[in-house]
C-alpha atoms as a PDB file:
ATOM      1  CA  MET A   1      11.145 -12.757  -4.801  1.00  0.00           C
ATOM      2  CA  LYS A   2      11.590 -13.092  -8.555  1.00  0.00           C
ATOM      3  CA  PRO A   3       8.437 -12.388 -10.598  1.00  0.00           C
ATOM      4  CA  ASP A   4       6.917 -15.243 -12.570  1.00  0.00           C
ATOM      5  CA  TYR A   5       6.118 -12.806 -15.363  1.00  0.00           C
ATOM      6  CA  GLN A   6       7.180  -9.225 -16.055  1.00  0.00           C
ATOM      7  CA  ILE A   7       6.352  -6.748 -18.781  1.00  0.00           C
ATOM      8  CA  LYS A   8       7.900  -3.289 -18.438  1.00  0.00           C
ATOM      9  CA  ASN A   9       7.350  -2.216 -14.796  1.00  0.00           C
ATOM     10  CA  VAL A  10       4.455  -4.641 -14.240  1.00  0.00           C
ATOM     11  CA  LYS A  11       5.468  -7.745 -12.254  1.00  0.00           C
ATOM     12  CA  LEU A  12       3.179 -10.717 -11.603  1.00  0.00           C
ATOM     13  CA  TYR A  13       3.768 -13.396  -8.971  1.00  0.00           C
ATOM     14  CA  CYS A  14       2.024 -16.780  -8.826  1.00  0.00           C
ATOM     15  CA  CYS A  15       2.208 -17.183  -5.073  1.00  0.00           C
ATOM     16  CA  ASP A  16       0.485 -16.898  -1.711  1.00  0.00           C
ATOM     17  CA  ASN A  17       0.045 -13.189  -0.997  1.00  0.00           C
ATOM     18  CA  MET A  18       0.793 -13.597   2.716  1.00  0.00           C
ATOM     19  CA  GLU A  19       4.142 -15.213   1.934  1.00  0.00           C
ATOM     20  CA  PHE A  20       4.852 -12.439  -0.553  1.00  0.00           C
ATOM     21  CA  MET A  21       4.027  -9.626   1.870  1.00  0.00           C
ATOM     22  CA  LYS A  22       6.322 -11.088   4.532  1.00  0.00           C
ATOM     23  CA  GLY A  23       9.262 -10.025   2.375  1.00  0.00           C
ATOM     24  CA  ILE A  24       8.006  -6.473   1.788  1.00  0.00           C
ATOM     25  CA  SER A  25       9.131  -3.548   3.948  1.00  0.00           C
ATOM     26  CA  ASP A  26       6.704  -1.214   5.723  1.00  0.00           C
ATOM     27  CA  ASN A  27       4.969   1.338   3.460  1.00  0.00           C
ATOM     28  CA  PHE A  28       6.787   0.040   0.385  1.00  0.00           C
ATOM     29  CA  TYR A  29       3.743   0.513  -1.857  1.00  0.00           C
ATOM     30  CA  ASP A  30       2.076   3.872  -2.261  1.00  0.00           C
ATOM     31  CA  LEU A  31      -1.313   2.310  -2.983  1.00  0.00           C
ATOM     32  CA  ALA A  32      -2.816  -1.158  -2.660  1.00  0.00           C
ATOM     33  CA  ILE A  33      -5.893  -1.792  -4.814  1.00  0.00           C
ATOM     34  CA  VAL A  34      -7.234  -5.216  -3.851  1.00  0.00           C
ATOM     35  CA  ASP A  35     -10.284  -7.390  -4.437  1.00  0.00           C
ATOM     36  CA  PRO A  36     -10.236 -10.156  -1.782  1.00  0.00           C
ATOM     37  CA  PRO A  37     -12.790 -12.978  -1.577  1.00  0.00           C
ATOM     38  CA  TYR A  38     -16.095 -11.736  -0.179  1.00  0.00           C
ATOM     39  CA  GLY A  39     -17.090 -15.152   1.209  1.00  0.00           C
ATOM     40  CA  ILE A  40     -20.208 -15.375  -0.977  1.00  0.00           C
ATOM     41  CA  ASN A  41     -19.242 -18.401  -3.115  1.00  0.00           C
ATOM     42  CA  MET A  42     -18.619 -16.625  -6.396  1.00  0.00           C
ATOM     43  CA  GLY A  43     -16.062 -19.223  -7.478  1.00  0.00           C
ATOM     44  CA  GLY A  44     -17.410 -19.712 -10.969  1.00  0.00           C
ATOM     45  CA  GLY A  45     -19.367 -22.465 -12.637  1.00  0.00           C
ATOM     46  CA  ALA A  46     -21.909 -20.178 -14.312  1.00  0.00           C
ATOM     47  CA  ASP A  47     -22.270 -18.645 -17.762  1.00  0.00           C
ATOM     48  CA  TRP A  48     -23.377 -15.011 -18.033  1.00  0.00           C
ATOM     49  CA  GLY A  49     -25.095 -15.504 -21.386  1.00  0.00           C
ATOM     50  CA  THR A  50     -24.800 -16.903 -24.888  1.00  0.00           C
ATOM     51  CA  ASN A  51     -23.138 -13.736 -26.253  1.00  0.00           C
ATOM     52  CA  THR A  52     -20.280 -13.778 -23.752  1.00  0.00           C
ATOM     53  CA  LYS A  53     -17.312 -16.079 -23.284  1.00  0.00           C
ATOM     54  CA  THR A  54     -17.559 -16.275 -19.508  1.00  0.00           C
ATOM     55  CA  PHE A  55     -17.921 -19.884 -18.343  1.00  0.00           C
ATOM     56  CA  HIS A  56     -15.594 -20.768 -15.474  1.00  0.00           C
ATOM     57  CA  ASN A  57     -14.678 -23.999 -13.754  1.00  0.00           C
ATOM     58  CA  LYS A  58     -16.061 -24.211 -10.239  1.00  0.00           C
ATOM     59  CA  LYS A  59     -13.510 -23.311  -7.572  1.00  0.00           C
ATOM     60  CA  ASN A  60     -13.835 -22.758  -3.829  1.00  0.00           C
ATOM     61  CA  TRP A  61     -11.645 -19.652  -3.388  1.00  0.00           C
ATOM     62  CA  ASP A  62     -14.640 -17.520  -2.317  1.00  0.00           C
ATOM     63  CA  SER A  63     -15.897 -19.718   0.509  1.00  0.00           C
ATOM     64  CA  GLU A  64     -14.629 -17.366   3.244  1.00  0.00           C
ATOM     65  CA  ILE A  65     -13.053 -13.950   3.738  1.00  0.00           C
ATOM     66  CA  PRO A  66      -9.369 -13.397   4.585  1.00  0.00           C
ATOM     67  CA  ASP A  67      -8.514 -13.346   8.275  1.00  0.00           C
ATOM     68  CA  LYS A  68      -7.424 -10.313  10.280  1.00  0.00           C
ATOM     69  CA  ASN A  69      -3.723 -11.012   9.661  1.00  0.00           C
ATOM     70  CA  TYR A  70      -4.185 -10.368   5.944  1.00  0.00           C
ATOM     71  CA  PHE A  71      -5.547  -6.873   6.544  1.00  0.00           C
ATOM     72  CA  ILE A  72      -2.807  -6.117   9.091  1.00  0.00           C
ATOM     73  CA  GLU A  73      -0.142  -7.075   6.542  1.00  0.00           C
ATOM     74  CA  LEU A  74      -1.836  -5.204   3.699  1.00  0.00           C
ATOM     75  CA  ILE A  75      -1.970  -1.981   5.727  1.00  0.00           C
ATOM     76  CA  ARG A  76       1.628  -2.500   6.855  1.00  0.00           C
ATOM     77  CA  VAL A  77       3.086  -2.758   3.330  1.00  0.00           C
ATOM     78  CA  SER A  78       1.046   0.066   1.767  1.00  0.00           C
ATOM     79  CA  LYS A  79       0.542   3.735   2.565  1.00  0.00           C
ATOM     80  CA  GLN A  80      -3.021   3.841   1.208  1.00  0.00           C
ATOM     81  CA  GLN A  81      -5.545   1.111   0.475  1.00  0.00           C
ATOM     82  CA  ILE A  82      -8.607   0.610  -1.718  1.00  0.00           C
ATOM     83  CA  ILE A  83     -10.368  -2.624  -0.790  1.00  0.00           C
ATOM     84  CA  TRP A  84     -13.211  -3.919  -2.944  1.00  0.00           C
ATOM     85  CA  GLY A  85     -15.993  -5.552  -0.948  1.00  0.00           C
ATOM     86  CA  GLY A  86     -15.073  -3.513   2.111  1.00  0.00           C
ATOM     87  CA  ASN A  87     -18.656  -3.816   3.301  1.00  0.00           C
ATOM     88  CA  TYR A  88     -17.959  -7.540   3.880  1.00  0.00           C
ATOM     89  CA  PHE A  89     -14.880  -6.793   6.025  1.00  0.00           C
ATOM     90  CA  ILE A  90     -16.095  -3.995   8.302  1.00  0.00           C
ATOM     91  CA  GLU A  91     -14.922  -5.750  11.474  1.00  0.00           C
ATOM     92  CA  MET A  92     -11.406  -6.071   9.986  1.00  0.00           C
ATOM     93  CA  LEU A  93     -11.032  -2.388   9.074  1.00  0.00           C
ATOM     94  CA  TYR A  94     -11.645   1.021  10.630  1.00  0.00           C
ATOM     95  CA  ASN A  95     -14.174   3.766  10.060  1.00  0.00           C
ATOM     96  CA  THR A  96     -13.796   5.765   6.885  1.00  0.00           C
ATOM     97  CA  LYS A  97     -15.794   8.471   5.137  1.00  0.00           C
ATOM     98  CA  SER A  98     -14.301   7.506   1.798  1.00  0.00           C
ATOM     99  CA  PHE A  99     -15.963   4.719  -0.159  1.00  0.00           C
ATOM    100  CA  ILE A 100     -15.884   4.168  -3.905  1.00  0.00           C
ATOM    101  CA  VAL A 101     -19.209   3.149  -5.449  1.00  0.00           C
ATOM    102  CA  TRP A 102     -19.127   1.290  -8.743  1.00  0.00           C
ATOM    103  CA  ASN A 103     -22.551   1.818 -10.337  1.00  0.00           C
ATOM    104  CA  LYS A 104     -22.694  -1.273 -12.551  1.00  0.00           C
ATOM    105  CA  MET A 105     -25.668   0.031 -14.574  1.00  0.00           C
ATOM    106  CA  ASN A 106     -27.142  -3.463 -14.640  1.00  0.00           C
ATOM    107  CA  GLY A 107     -30.733  -2.410 -15.198  1.00  0.00           C
ATOM    108  CA  SER A 108     -33.530  -4.708 -14.065  1.00  0.00           C
ATOM    109  CA  ASN A 109     -31.924  -8.037 -13.271  1.00  0.00           C
ATOM    110  CA  ASN A 110     -31.000 -10.025 -10.177  1.00  0.00           C
ATOM    111  CA  MET A 111     -27.387  -8.794 -10.071  1.00  0.00           C
ATOM    112  CA  ALA A 112     -26.236  -6.103  -7.635  1.00  0.00           C
ATOM    113  CA  ASP A 113     -26.733  -2.508  -8.760  1.00  0.00           C
ATOM    114  CA  CYS A 114     -23.327  -1.526  -7.417  1.00  0.00           C
ATOM    115  CA  GLU A 115     -20.169  -2.653  -5.616  1.00  0.00           C
ATOM    116  CA  LEU A 116     -18.444  -0.837  -2.776  1.00  0.00           C
ATOM    117  CA  ALA A 117     -14.761  -0.309  -2.124  1.00  0.00           C
ATOM    118  CA  TRP A 118     -13.494   0.812   1.284  1.00  0.00           C
ATOM    119  CA  THR A 119     -10.643   3.315   1.092  1.00  0.00           C
ATOM    120  CA  SER A 120      -8.164   4.807   3.555  1.00  0.00           C
ATOM    121  CA  PHE A 121      -8.329   8.212   1.851  1.00  0.00           C
ATOM    122  CA  ASP A 122      -9.643  11.406   3.387  1.00  0.00           C
ATOM    123  CA  LYS A 123     -11.972  12.086   0.463  1.00  0.00           C
ATOM    124  CA  PRO A 124     -15.737  12.210  -0.065  1.00  0.00           C
ATOM    125  CA  VAL A 125     -17.546   9.180  -1.442  1.00  0.00           C
ATOM    126  CA  ARG A 126     -17.005   8.963  -5.194  1.00  0.00           C
ATOM    127  CA  MET A 127     -18.902   6.984  -7.847  1.00  0.00           C
ATOM    128  CA  TYR A 128     -17.828   5.412 -11.123  1.00  0.00           C
ATOM    129  CA  SER A 129     -20.657   4.508 -13.504  1.00  0.00           C
ATOM    130  CA  GLY A 130     -20.094   1.944 -16.215  1.00  0.00           C
ATOM    131  CA  HIS A 131     -21.462  -1.420 -17.246  1.00  0.00           C
ATOM    132  CA  ILE A 132     -18.925  -4.218 -17.500  1.00  0.00           C
ATOM    133  CA  PHE A 133     -19.616  -4.328 -21.263  1.00  0.00           C
ATOM    134  CA  SER A 134     -19.351  -0.555 -21.649  1.00  0.00           C
ATOM    135  CA  GLY A 135     -17.683   0.371 -24.934  1.00  0.00           C
ATOM    136  CA  ILE A 136     -17.038  -3.170 -26.165  1.00  0.00           C
ATOM    137  CA  GLY A 137     -20.368  -4.883 -26.764  1.00  0.00           C
ATOM    138  CA  ASN A 138     -21.333  -8.263 -25.332  1.00  0.00           C
ATOM    139  CA  SER A 139     -20.012 -10.236 -28.307  1.00  0.00           C
ATOM    140  CA  ASN A 140     -16.445  -8.998 -27.698  1.00  0.00           C
ATOM    141  CA  TYR A 141     -16.314  -9.474 -23.939  1.00  0.00           C
ATOM    142  CA  LYS A 142     -14.038 -12.231 -22.671  1.00  0.00           C
ATOM    143  CA  SER A 143     -13.874 -13.021 -18.970  1.00  0.00           C
ATOM    144  CA  ILE A 144     -11.041 -15.089 -17.502  1.00  0.00           C
ATOM    145  CA  HIS A 145     -12.250 -14.790 -13.912  1.00  0.00           C
ATOM    146  CA  PRO A 146     -15.787 -14.941 -12.457  1.00  0.00           C
ATOM    147  CA  THR A 147     -15.428 -11.616 -10.605  1.00  0.00           C
ATOM    148  CA  GLN A 148     -13.430  -9.816 -13.295  1.00  0.00           C
ATOM    149  CA  LYS A 149     -13.702  -6.022 -13.162  1.00  0.00           C
ATOM    150  CA  PRO A 150     -13.292  -3.674 -16.153  1.00  0.00           C
ATOM    151  CA  ILE A 151      -9.880  -2.189 -16.902  1.00  0.00           C
ATOM    152  CA  ARG A 152     -11.655   1.144 -17.376  1.00  0.00           C
ATOM    153  CA  LEU A 153     -12.694   1.023 -13.711  1.00  0.00           C
ATOM    154  CA  TYR A 154      -9.090   0.531 -12.574  1.00  0.00           C
ATOM    155  CA  LYS A 155      -7.906   3.323 -14.852  1.00  0.00           C
ATOM    156  CA  TRP A 156     -10.468   5.634 -13.269  1.00  0.00           C
ATOM    157  CA  ILE A 157      -9.223   4.651  -9.800  1.00  0.00           C
ATOM    158  CA  LEU A 158      -5.599   5.290 -10.735  1.00  0.00           C
ATOM    159  CA  GLN A 159      -6.434   8.634 -12.309  1.00  0.00           C
ATOM    160  CA  ASN A 160      -8.359   9.747  -9.214  1.00  0.00           C
ATOM    161  CA  TYR A 161      -6.443   8.142  -6.332  1.00  0.00           C
ATOM    162  CA  ALA A 162      -2.834   7.587  -7.492  1.00  0.00           C
ATOM    163  CA  LYS A 163      -0.022   9.983  -8.324  1.00  0.00           C
ATOM    164  CA  GLU A 164       2.629   9.760 -11.012  1.00  0.00           C
ATOM    165  CA  GLY A 165       5.460   7.540  -9.790  1.00  0.00           C
ATOM    166  CA  ASP A 166       3.326   5.607  -7.291  1.00  0.00           C
ATOM    167  CA  LYS A 167       4.029   1.914  -6.706  1.00  0.00           C
ATOM    168  CA  ILE A 168       0.806  -0.124  -6.889  1.00  0.00           C
ATOM    169  CA  PHE A 169       0.081  -3.510  -5.259  1.00  0.00           C
ATOM    170  CA  ASP A 170      -2.704  -6.039  -5.843  1.00  0.00           C
ATOM    171  CA  SER A 171      -2.813  -9.030  -3.501  1.00  0.00           C
ATOM    172  CA  HIS A 172      -5.590 -10.916  -5.344  1.00  0.00           C
ATOM    173  CA  GLY A 173      -4.846 -10.442  -9.041  1.00  0.00           C
ATOM    174  CA  GLY A 174      -7.478 -12.741 -10.563  1.00  0.00           C
ATOM    175  CA  SER A 175      -7.789 -11.540 -14.163  1.00  0.00           C
ATOM    176  CA  PHE A 176      -5.248  -8.759 -13.420  1.00  0.00           C
ATOM    177  CA  SER A 177      -7.372  -5.921 -14.783  1.00  0.00           C
ATOM    178  CA  SER A 178      -5.400  -3.838 -12.274  1.00  0.00           C
ATOM    179  CA  ALA A 179      -2.137  -4.829 -13.981  1.00  0.00           C
ATOM    180  CA  CYS A 180      -3.544  -4.007 -17.430  1.00  0.00           C
ATOM    181  CA  ALA A 181      -4.524  -0.528 -16.228  1.00  0.00           C
ATOM    182  CA  CYS A 182      -1.107   0.065 -14.635  1.00  0.00           C
ATOM    183  CA  LEU A 183       0.661  -1.128 -17.783  1.00  0.00           C
ATOM    184  CA  ASP A 184      -1.352   1.246 -19.954  1.00  0.00           C
ATOM    185  CA  LEU A 185      -0.903   4.243 -17.616  1.00  0.00           C
ATOM    186  CA  GLY A 186       2.763   3.626 -16.790  1.00  0.00           C
ATOM    187  CA  PHE A 187       2.579   2.730 -13.087  1.00  0.00           C
ATOM    188  CA  ASP A 188       4.977   0.340 -11.339  1.00  0.00           C
ATOM    189  CA  PHE A 189       2.914  -2.670 -10.272  1.00  0.00           C
ATOM    190  CA  ASP A 190       3.341  -5.865  -8.243  1.00  0.00           C
ATOM    191  CA  GLY A 191       0.513  -8.382  -8.125  1.00  0.00           C
ATOM    192  CA  CYS A 192      -0.091 -11.834  -6.631  1.00  0.00           C
ATOM    193  CA  GLU A 193      -2.412 -14.632  -7.760  1.00  0.00           C
ATOM    194  CA  ILE A 194      -2.183 -18.059  -6.154  1.00  0.00           C
ATOM    195  CA  ASP A 195      -4.323 -19.983  -8.663  1.00  0.00           C
ATOM    196  CA  LYS A 196      -2.149 -21.195 -11.557  1.00  0.00           C
ATOM    197  CA  GLU A 197      -5.006 -21.335 -14.089  1.00  0.00           C
ATOM    198  CA  TYR A 198      -6.094 -17.753 -13.409  1.00  0.00           C
ATOM    199  CA  PHE A 199      -2.469 -16.619 -13.370  1.00  0.00           C
ATOM    200  CA  ASP A 200      -1.612 -18.210 -16.729  1.00  0.00           C
ATOM    201  CA  ASN A 201      -4.728 -16.770 -18.357  1.00  0.00           C
ATOM    202  CA  ALA A 202      -3.876 -13.315 -17.003  1.00  0.00           C
ATOM    203  CA  VAL A 203      -0.310 -13.588 -18.321  1.00  0.00           C
ATOM    204  CA  ASN A 204      -1.685 -14.433 -21.768  1.00  0.00           C
ATOM    205  CA  ARG A 205      -3.980 -11.445 -21.477  1.00  0.00           C
ATOM    206  CA  LEU A 206      -1.021  -9.135 -20.857  1.00  0.00           C
ATOM    207  CA  LYS A 207       1.128 -10.812 -23.517  1.00  0.00           C
ATOM    208  CA  ASN A 208      -1.567 -10.399 -26.138  1.00  0.00           C
ATOM    209  CA  ASN A 209      -2.207  -6.818 -25.060  1.00  0.00           C
ATOM    210  CA  VAL A 210      -5.130  -6.793 -27.452  1.00  0.00           C
ATOM    211  CA  GLN A 211      -7.248  -3.721 -28.053  1.00  0.00           C
ATOM    212  CA  GLU A 212     -10.441  -5.063 -26.512  1.00  0.00           C
ATOM    213  CA  TYR A 213      -8.641  -5.505 -23.177  1.00  0.00           C
ATOM    214  CA  ILE A 214      -6.419  -2.458 -22.901  1.00  0.00           C
ATOM    215  CA  ASP A 215      -8.429   0.159 -24.750  1.00  0.00           C
ATOM    216  CA  PHE A 216     -11.978  -0.824 -23.928  1.00  0.00           C
ATOM    217  CA  ALA A 217     -12.398  -3.331 -21.071  1.00  0.00           C
END
């Protein structure tokens, strides 16, 4: 399949991830880092505050979790997997000792203190600590997706779980923070996003390659 956008070794596809994975051979990717819908209706429609540019149109992509076939395909095409929200998909996966904990350093508010990622690695539980605004300040933060994660978080994952020369896959690109991290660190990357609005905004993000995204977010 021809990418809809490519910069260096980072290729983005505006497509259904299941259709995309059908054309991928077994174990083609060294590592899949994915953030599927958790089924908790986080499809946007809310502003995080007057100092942030984070209002999103309401969408229904997070009304349910992917079915079992998605996880079967994901594990087929990749040698190792890191799956954000793995605690919502326990029945779809298998036992692991290796979770990643993102300590969001939110302080005293009604947002979750952390997020969990299930991994297929034989490693102890590891924790990354960093607020989503860490290093940039609220006034500079721009979100193009309601569940956007920091590029710094993805860089930390790549530095701790990937090896030089690894091929990386993201089935639910969203804001494509994963792609930004791979671009900056020199990893080959393929990513899918089915929503055209999110996809176009992510392409602009990569085209602009501005400091607040690549260096700080």
